[in-house]
C-alpha atoms as a PDB file:
ATOM      1  CA  MET A   1     -87.389  12.133  28.723  1.00  0.00           C
ATOM      2  CA  THR A   2     -90.713   9.953  28.096  1.00  0.00           C
ATOM      3  CA  ILE A   3     -90.735   7.036  26.451  1.00  0.00           C
ATOM      4  CA  GLN A   4     -93.916   6.299  24.088  1.00  0.00           C
ATOM      5  CA  ARG A   5     -95.171   2.853  24.239  1.00  0.00           C
ATOM      6  CA  ARG A   6     -95.609   0.811  21.297  1.00  0.00           C
ATOM      7  CA  THR A   7     -96.425  -2.543  20.767  1.00  0.00           C
ATOM      8  CA  VAL A   8     -93.396  -4.550  22.408  1.00  0.00           C
ATOM      9  CA  THR A   9     -91.900  -7.146  20.192  1.00  0.00           C
ATOM     10  CA  PRO A  10     -90.081  -9.973  22.119  1.00  0.00           C
ATOM     11  CA  PHE A  11     -86.529  -8.689  21.688  1.00  0.00           C
ATOM     12  CA  ARG A  12     -84.379  -5.985  19.765  1.00  0.00           C
ATOM     13  CA  ILE A  13     -80.856  -5.754  18.623  1.00  0.00           C
ATOM     14  CA  GLY A  14     -78.841  -2.956  19.292  1.00  0.00           C
ATOM     15  CA  GLN A  15     -74.758  -2.092  18.401  1.00  0.00           C
ATOM     16  CA  GLY A  16     -73.176   1.210  19.168  1.00  0.00           C
ATOM     17  CA  PHE A  17     -69.270   2.118  18.959  1.00  0.00           C
ATOM     18  CA  ASP A  18     -67.579   4.777  20.689  1.00  0.00           C
ATOM     19  CA  VAL A  19     -63.446   6.368  20.527  1.00  0.00           C
ATOM     20  CA  HIS A  20     -61.772   9.094  22.142  1.00  0.00           C
ATOM     21  CA  ALA A  21     -58.233  10.439  21.446  1.00  0.00           C
ATOM     22  CA  PHE A  22     -55.515   9.640  24.519  1.00  0.00           C
ATOM     23  CA  GLY A  23     -54.539  13.170  25.950  1.00  0.00           C
ATOM     24  CA  PRO A  24     -52.885  14.597  29.217  1.00  0.00           C
ATOM     25  CA  GLY A  25     -53.647  12.732  32.295  1.00  0.00           C
ATOM     26  CA  ASP A  26     -52.896   9.534  34.366  1.00  0.00           C
ATOM     27  CA  HIS A  27     -55.889   7.185  34.203  1.00  0.00           C
ATOM     28  CA  VAL A  28     -58.981   6.152  31.913  1.00  0.00           C
ATOM     29  CA  MET A  29     -62.530   5.332  32.708  1.00  0.00           C
ATOM     30  CA  LEU A  30     -62.979   2.214  31.657  1.00  0.00           C
ATOM     31  CA  GLY A  31     -67.062   0.785  32.817  1.00  0.00           C
ATOM     32  CA  GLY A  32     -66.995   2.973  35.441  1.00  0.00           C
ATOM     33  CA  VAL A  33     -63.395   1.790  36.602  1.00  0.00           C
ATOM     34  CA  ARG A  34     -60.440   3.713  37.202  1.00  0.00           C
ATOM     35  CA  ILE A  35     -57.643   2.702  35.306  1.00  0.00           C
ATOM     36  CA  VAL A  36     -54.427   4.096  36.044  1.00  0.00           C
ATOM     37  CA  HIS A  37     -52.711   5.325  32.370  1.00  0.00           C
ATOM     38  CA  ALA A  38     -49.877   7.206  30.732  1.00  0.00           C
ATOM     39  CA  HIS A  39     -52.685   8.898  29.175  1.00  0.00           C
ATOM     40  CA  GLY A  40     -56.114  10.481  30.307  1.00  0.00           C
ATOM     41  CA  ILE A  41     -58.648  10.849  27.924  1.00  0.00           C
ATOM     42  CA  VAL A  42     -59.893  13.862  25.547  1.00  0.00           C
ATOM     43  CA  ALA A  43     -63.775  14.119  26.095  1.00  0.00           C
ATOM     44  CA  HIS A  44     -66.643  16.273  27.706  1.00  0.00           C
ATOM     45  CA  SER A  45     -67.579  13.846  30.282  1.00  0.00           C
ATOM     46  CA  ASP A  46     -65.453  11.208  31.216  1.00  0.00           C
ATOM     47  CA  GLY A  47     -64.623   9.753  28.126  1.00  0.00           C
ATOM     48  CA  ASP A  48     -65.865   6.345  29.208  1.00  0.00           C
ATOM     49  CA  VAL A  49     -65.723   4.392  25.936  1.00  0.00           C
ATOM     50  CA  VAL A  50     -67.028   1.053  27.456  1.00  0.00           C
ATOM     51  CA  ILE A  51     -70.390   2.811  28.528  1.00  0.00           C
ATOM     52  CA  HIS A  52     -70.469   5.050  25.709  1.00  0.00           C
ATOM     53  CA  ALA A  53     -71.081   2.279  23.317  1.00  0.00           C
ATOM     54  CA  LEU A  54     -73.188   0.338  25.723  1.00  0.00           C
ATOM     55  CA  CYS A  55     -75.827   3.296  25.912  1.00  0.00           C
ATOM     56  CA  ASP A  56     -75.382   3.773  22.295  1.00  0.00           C
ATOM     57  CA  ALA A  57     -76.200   0.099  21.920  1.00  0.00           C
ATOM     58  CA  LEU A  58     -79.398   0.066  24.124  1.00  0.00           C
ATOM     59  CA  LEU A  59     -80.618   3.300  22.276  1.00  0.00           C
ATOM     60  CA  GLY A  60     -80.019   1.816  19.386  1.00  0.00           C
ATOM     61  CA  ALA A  61     -82.301  -1.166  20.056  1.00  0.00           C
ATOM     62  CA  LEU A  62     -84.880   1.094  21.624  1.00  0.00           C
ATOM     63  CA  ALA A  63     -84.413   3.062  18.027  1.00  0.00           C
ATOM     64  CA  LEU A  64     -84.109   6.194  20.271  1.00  0.00           C
ATOM     65  CA  GLY A  65     -81.150   7.672  18.832  1.00  0.00           C
ATOM     66  CA  ASP A  66     -77.691   7.850  19.903  1.00  0.00           C
ATOM     67  CA  ILE A  67     -76.011   9.545  23.698  1.00  0.00           C
ATOM     68  CA  GLY A  68     -74.993  12.839  21.725  1.00  0.00           C
ATOM     69  CA  ARG A  69     -78.784  12.812  21.435  1.00  0.00           C
ATOM     70  CA  HIS A  70     -79.799  12.495  25.204  1.00  0.00           C
ATOM     71  CA  PHE A  71     -76.584  13.964  26.928  1.00  0.00           C
ATOM     72  CA  PRO A  72     -75.059  16.475  24.450  1.00  0.00           C
ATOM     73  CA  PRO A  73     -71.285  17.243  24.581  1.00  0.00           C
ATOM     74  CA  SER A  74     -72.639  21.237  24.346  1.00  0.00           C
ATOM     75  CA  ASP A  75     -74.552  20.800  27.847  1.00  0.00           C
ATOM     76  CA  PRO A  76     -72.462  22.222  30.384  1.00  0.00           C
ATOM     77  CA  ARG A  77     -74.278  19.815  32.699  1.00  0.00           C
ATOM     78  CA  TRP A  78     -72.537  17.016  31.240  1.00  0.00           C
ATOM     79  CA  ARG A  79     -69.247  18.314  31.631  1.00  0.00           C
ATOM     80  CA  ASP A  80     -66.872  16.022  33.350  1.00  0.00           C
ATOM     81  CA  ALA A  81     -69.990  13.592  34.174  1.00  0.00           C
ATOM     82  CA  ASP A  82     -69.309  10.375  35.434  1.00  0.00           C
ATOM     83  CA  SER A  83     -70.502   7.932  32.365  1.00  0.00           C
ATOM     84  CA  ARG A  84     -72.646   5.739  35.228  1.00  0.00           C
ATOM     85  CA  GLN A  85     -75.146   8.523  34.997  1.00  0.00           C
ATOM     86  CA  PHE A  86     -75.842   8.038  31.283  1.00  0.00           C
ATOM     87  CA  LEU A  87     -75.864   4.300  32.064  1.00  0.00           C
ATOM     88  CA  ARG A  88     -78.579   4.378  34.558  1.00  0.00           C
ATOM     89  CA  ALA A  89     -80.673   7.082  32.418  1.00  0.00           C
ATOM     90  CA  VAL A  90     -80.705   5.163  29.227  1.00  0.00           C
ATOM     91  CA  ALA A  91     -81.656   1.637  31.851  1.00  0.00           C
ATOM     92  CA  GLU A  92     -84.715   3.720  32.669  1.00  0.00           C
ATOM     93  CA  MET A  93     -85.545   4.871  29.293  1.00  0.00           C
ATOM     94  CA  MET A  94     -85.180   0.891  28.018  1.00  0.00           C
ATOM     95  CA  ARG A  95     -87.663  -0.375  31.424  1.00  0.00           C
ATOM     96  CA  GLU A  96     -90.123   2.210  30.389  1.00  0.00           C
ATOM     97  CA  ALA A  97     -90.120   1.154  27.162  1.00  0.00           C
ATOM     98  CA  GLY A  98     -90.843  -2.482  28.210  1.00  0.00           C
ATOM     99  CA  TYR A  99     -87.412  -3.787  27.901  1.00  0.00           C
ATOM    100  CA  ARG A 100     -85.134  -5.765  30.338  1.00  0.00           C
ATOM    101  CA  LEU A 101     -81.392  -6.970  28.851  1.00  0.00           C
ATOM    102  CA  GLY A 102     -80.947 -10.183  27.923  1.00  0.00           C
ATOM    103  CA  ASN A 103     -77.054  -9.501  27.701  1.00  0.00           C
ATOM    104  CA  ALA A 104     -74.506  -7.116  26.434  1.00  0.00           C
ATOM    105  CA  ASP A 105     -71.141  -7.751  25.199  1.00  0.00           C
ATOM    106  CA  VAL A 106     -68.353  -5.110  24.731  1.00  0.00           C
ATOM    107  CA  THR A 107     -65.534  -5.126  23.408  1.00  0.00           C
ATOM    108  CA  VAL A 108     -62.465  -2.701  24.370  1.00  0.00           C
ATOM    109  CA  ILE A 109     -60.273  -1.936  21.431  1.00  0.00           C
ATOM    110  CA  CYS A 110     -56.492  -0.687  22.101  1.00  0.00           C
ATOM    111  CA  GLU A 111     -53.352  -1.580  22.741  1.00  0.00           C
ATOM    112  CA  ALA A 112     -52.407  -0.621  26.248  1.00  0.00           C
ATOM    113  CA  PRO A 113     -53.952  -0.388  29.382  1.00  0.00           C
ATOM    114  CA  LYS A 114     -54.760  -4.225  29.623  1.00  0.00           C
ATOM    115  CA  ILE A 115     -58.634  -4.846  30.263  1.00  0.00           C
ATOM    116  CA  ALA A 116     -58.542  -8.250  31.003  1.00  0.00           C
ATOM    117  CA  SER A 117     -57.703  -7.444  35.177  1.00  0.00           C
ATOM    118  CA  HIS A 118     -60.471  -4.779  35.044  1.00  0.00           C
ATOM    119  CA  ALA A 119     -63.370  -6.917  33.327  1.00  0.00           C
ATOM    120  CA  ALA A 120     -64.761  -8.514  36.569  1.00  0.00           C
ATOM    121  CA  ALA A 121     -65.052  -4.761  38.098  1.00  0.00           C
ATOM    122  CA  MET A 122     -66.554  -3.389  34.691  1.00  0.00           C
ATOM    123  CA  ARG A 123     -69.044  -5.989  34.946  1.00  0.00           C
ATOM    124  CA  VAL A 124     -70.176  -6.011  38.570  1.00  0.00           C
ATOM    125  CA  LEU A 125     -70.729  -2.289  38.005  1.00  0.00           C
ATOM    126  CA  LEU A 126     -72.418  -2.645  34.653  1.00  0.00           C
ATOM    127  CA  ALA A 127     -74.762  -4.998  35.783  1.00  0.00           C
ATOM    128  CA  ALA A 128     -75.582  -3.073  38.844  1.00  0.00           C
ATOM    129  CA  ASP A 129     -76.635   0.152  37.039  1.00  0.00           C
ATOM    130  CA  LEU A 130     -78.599  -1.838  34.318  1.00  0.00           C
ATOM    131  CA  GLY A 131     -80.504  -3.945  36.831  1.00  0.00           C
ATOM    132  CA  CYS A 132     -78.987  -7.265  35.001  1.00  0.00           C
ATOM    133  CA  GLN A 133     -76.723 -10.533  36.356  1.00  0.00           C
ATOM    134  CA  ILE A 134     -73.253 -10.019  36.107  1.00  0.00           C
ATOM    135  CA  ALA A 135     -73.573 -13.086  33.774  1.00  0.00           C
ATOM    136  CA  ASP A 136     -75.242 -10.786  31.451  1.00  0.00           C
ATOM    137  CA  ILE A 137     -72.477  -8.528  30.870  1.00  0.00           C
ATOM    138  CA  SER A 138     -69.212  -9.677  28.890  1.00  0.00           C
ATOM    139  CA  ILE A 139     -66.345  -7.365  28.881  1.00  0.00           C
ATOM    140  CA  LYS A 140     -63.421  -8.183  26.489  1.00  0.00           C
ATOM    141  CA  ALA A 141     -60.378  -6.666  24.782  1.00  0.00           C
ATOM    142  CA  THR A 142     -58.355  -6.910  21.399  1.00  0.00           C
ATOM    143  CA  THR A 143     -55.331  -4.895  19.983  1.00  0.00           C
ATOM    144  CA  SER A 144     -55.423  -3.569  16.424  1.00  0.00           C
ATOM    145  CA  GLU A 145     -51.957  -5.373  15.725  1.00  0.00           C
ATOM    146  CA  ARG A 146     -50.651  -1.861  16.233  1.00  0.00           C
ATOM    147  CA  LEU A 147     -52.350  -0.533  12.955  1.00  0.00           C
ATOM    148  CA  GLY A 148     -54.220   2.905  13.273  1.00  0.00           C
ATOM    149  CA  PHE A 149     -54.982   5.241  15.598  1.00  0.00           C
ATOM    150  CA  THR A 150     -55.636   2.460  18.412  1.00  0.00           C
ATOM    151  CA  GLY A 151     -52.295   0.654  17.091  1.00  0.00           C
ATOM    152  CA  ARG A 152     -50.364   3.621  17.374  1.00  0.00           C
ATOM    153  CA  GLY A 153     -51.730   4.343  21.541  1.00  0.00           C
ATOM    154  CA  GLU A 154     -53.129   7.505  19.996  1.00  0.00           C
ATOM    155  CA  GLY A 155     -56.721   6.233  21.554  1.00  0.00           C
ATOM    156  CA  ILE A 156     -59.333   3.665  22.152  1.00  0.00           C
ATOM    157  CA  ALA A 157     -62.201   2.406  21.051  1.00  0.00           C
ATOM    158  CA  ALA A 158     -65.238   0.512  22.433  1.00  0.00           C
ATOM    159  CA  GLN A 159     -67.935  -1.640  20.277  1.00  0.00           C
ATOM    160  CA  ALA A 160     -70.902  -3.173  21.871  1.00  0.00           C
ATOM    161  CA  VAL A 161     -73.998  -5.363  21.220  1.00  0.00           C
ATOM    162  CA  THR A 162     -77.038  -5.780  22.855  1.00  0.00           C
ATOM    163  CA  LEU A 163     -80.094  -8.010  23.025  1.00  0.00           C
ATOM    164  CA  LEU A 164     -83.371  -6.252  25.118  1.00  0.00           C
ATOM    165  CA  LEU A 165     -86.244  -8.612  26.044  1.00  0.00           C
ATOM    166  CA  ALA A 166     -89.789  -7.927  26.429  1.00  0.00           C
ATOM    167  CA  ALA A 167     -90.046  -7.287  30.520  1.00  0.00           C
ATOM    168  CA  THR A 168     -92.300  -9.937  31.826  1.00  0.00           C
END
């Protein structure tokens, strides 16, 4: 997709959210990391809620819609796709629009799997795909205190906030 150049403002902020149900399987993909789990994810792609929320936050900051607009689940090309390819494509859109990542803050919402021991590996992969420093990426998790679909262990969610800075 060709990005229309516009007057580049000093910074832009975006937020994203993604959710997927648990289903059959033995792992989940989060932030590009394969994590052993009692369930898999029901999704068209690999169902990586961390990357999907991050892509939506970046696309929102760029006013380019959402991940489904660029990588629709109706398109067979994205069946079982590695979500990191979505993130790399969105990072290219960011650069074409004249921006770079200032920072990203991602929160995973689930009772399980536990995220803390995987956060560092996620940060390394996400920073590599976005062309930024590891220190520019924050990954953390919270539970929903056993309330709602995440509390009942029916699925997983993530939210992300990004700050884009004009590239110099």
